Amino acid sequence: MSTEEKVQDTINLAKMNLAVNGLRGDIKKAISYYEDPFGSFGAFD
């Protein structure tokens, strides 16, 4: 699971949620309006 969040507090809560539920994931700080942290430009219709 990969996701991106804008606010650091939300990132911390998301990471804690993953840990509490025994899940793995990648939470990145990014604003998708300005950035493309996953390199998906042009990958969608």
N, C-alpha and C. Protein backbone atom coordinates (compact mmCIF):
# COMPACT_ATOMS: atom_id res chain seq x y z
N MET A 1 0.85 -1.16 0.00
CA MET A 1 0.00 0.00 0.00
C MET A 1 0.90 1.23 0.00
N SER A 2 0.61 2.15 -0.86
CA SER A 2 1.32 3.43 -0.90
C SER A 2 0.30 4.55 -0.88
N THR A 3 0.63 5.56 -0.17
CA THR A 3 -0.24 6.72 -0.12
C THR A 3 0.60 7.96 0.12
N GLU A 4 0.02 9.08 -0.12
CA GLU A 4 0.71 10.34 0.13
C GLU A 4 -0.21 11.26 0.91
N GLU A 5 0.38 12.00 1.79
CA GLU A 5 -0.36 12.93 2.64
C GLU A 5 0.32 14.27 2.63
N LYS A 6 -0.44 15.31 2.94
CA LYS A 6 0.07 16.67 2.91
C LYS A 6 0.55 17.13 4.28
N VAL A 7 -0.09 16.69 5.35
CA VAL A 7 0.17 17.18 6.70
C VAL A 7 0.93 16.12 7.51
N GLN A 8 1.98 16.54 8.21
CA GLN A 8 2.81 15.60 8.98
C GLN A 8 2.01 14.87 10.05
N ASP A 9 1.05 15.53 10.70
CA ASP A 9 0.24 14.87 11.72
C ASP A 9 -0.55 13.71 11.13
N THR A 10 -1.06 13.89 9.92
CA THR A 10 -1.81 12.83 9.26
C THR A 10 -0.89 11.66 8.91
N ILE A 11 0.33 11.96 8.51
CA ILE A 11 1.31 10.92 8.20
C ILE A 11 1.58 10.08 9.44
N ASN A 12 1.79 10.74 10.58
CA ASN A 12 2.06 10.02 11.82
C ASN A 12 0.88 9.13 12.22
N LEU A 13 -0.34 9.63 12.08
CA LEU A 13 -1.52 8.83 12.40
C LEU A 13 -1.66 7.64 11.45
N ALA A 14 -1.38 7.85 10.19
CA ALA A 14 -1.48 6.76 9.21
C ALA A 14 -0.45 5.67 9.50
N LYS A 15 0.77 6.07 9.85
CA LYS A 15 1.80 5.09 10.18
C LYS A 15 1.44 4.32 11.45
N MET A 16 0.89 5.02 12.44
CA MET A 16 0.47 4.35 13.66
C MET A 16 -0.66 3.37 13.37
N ASN A 17 -1.59 3.75 12.51
CA ASN A 17 -2.70 2.87 12.13
C ASN A 17 -2.18 1.60 11.45
N LEU A 18 -1.19 1.75 10.58
CA LEU A 18 -0.60 0.58 9.93
C LEU A 18 0.03 -0.35 10.97
N ALA A 19 0.79 0.25 11.91
CA ALA A 19 1.47 -0.55 12.92
C ALA A 19 0.49 -1.27 13.84
N VAL A 20 -0.55 -0.58 14.28
CA VAL A 20 -1.53 -1.16 15.20
C VAL A 20 -2.25 -2.34 14.55
N ASN A 21 -2.52 -2.22 13.26
CA ASN A 21 -3.26 -3.27 12.55
C ASN A 21 -2.35 -4.31 11.90
N GLY A 22 -1.06 -4.21 12.12
CA GLY A 22 -0.13 -5.20 11.58
C GLY A 22 -0.01 -5.16 10.07
N LEU A 23 -0.15 -4.00 9.49
CA LEU A 23 -0.07 -3.86 8.04
C LEU A 23 1.24 -3.20 7.64
N ARG A 24 1.59 -3.34 6.37
CA ARG A 24 2.77 -2.66 5.84
C ARG A 24 2.32 -1.67 4.78
N GLY A 25 3.04 -0.59 4.69
CA GLY A 25 2.71 0.42 3.70
C GLY A 25 3.77 1.49 3.63
N ASP A 26 3.64 2.34 2.64
CA ASP A 26 4.59 3.43 2.43
C ASP A 26 3.81 4.73 2.43
N ILE A 27 4.03 5.53 3.46
CA ILE A 27 3.36 6.82 3.58
C ILE A 27 4.39 7.90 3.28
N LYS A 28 4.13 8.72 2.29
CA LYS A 28 5.06 9.77 1.89
C LYS A 28 4.42 11.13 2.09
N LYS A 29 5.26 12.12 2.38
CA LYS A 29 4.76 13.50 2.45
C LYS A 29 4.86 14.11 1.06
N ALA A 30 3.73 14.49 0.53
CA ALA A 30 3.70 15.08 -0.80
C ALA A 30 2.37 15.79 -1.01
N ILE A 31 2.38 16.74 -1.89
CA ILE A 31 1.15 17.41 -2.31
C ILE A 31 0.99 17.07 -3.79
N SER A 32 0.09 16.16 -4.09
CA SER A 32 -0.02 15.65 -5.45
C SER A 32 -0.43 16.71 -6.46
N TYR A 33 -0.95 17.83 -5.99
CA TYR A 33 -1.30 18.92 -6.91
C TYR A 33 -0.05 19.52 -7.54
N TYR A 34 1.05 19.51 -6.79
CA TYR A 34 2.30 20.10 -7.26
C TYR A 34 3.38 19.08 -7.58
N GLU A 35 3.30 17.90 -6.98
CA GLU A 35 4.36 16.90 -7.10
C GLU A 35 3.81 15.59 -7.65
N ASP A 36 4.70 14.75 -8.13
CA ASP A 36 4.33 13.42 -8.60
C ASP A 36 5.30 12.41 -7.97
N PRO A 37 5.14 12.09 -6.68
CA PRO A 37 6.11 11.25 -5.99
C PRO A 37 6.17 9.81 -6.49
N PHE A 38 5.16 9.33 -7.21
CA PHE A 38 5.14 7.96 -7.68
C PHE A 38 5.48 7.83 -9.16
N GLY A 39 5.82 8.92 -9.82
CA GLY A 39 6.21 8.86 -11.22
C GLY A 39 5.10 8.39 -12.14
N SER A 40 3.88 8.81 -11.87
CA SER A 40 2.74 8.32 -12.64
C SER A 40 2.29 9.28 -13.74
N PHE A 41 3.07 10.31 -14.03
CA PHE A 41 2.67 11.27 -15.05
C PHE A 41 2.49 10.57 -16.39
N GLY A 42 1.33 10.74 -16.99
CA GLY A 42 1.04 10.14 -18.28
C GLY A 42 0.64 8.68 -18.21
N ALA A 43 0.52 8.13 -16.99
CA ALA A 43 0.20 6.70 -16.86
C ALA A 43 -1.31 6.45 -16.86
N PHE A 44 -2.12 7.50 -16.87
CA PHE A 44 -3.56 7.36 -16.80
C PHE A 44 -4.22 8.07 -17.97
N ASP A 45 -5.41 7.66 -18.27
CA ASP A 45 -6.18 8.32 -19.32
C ASP A 45 -6.91 9.51 -18.76
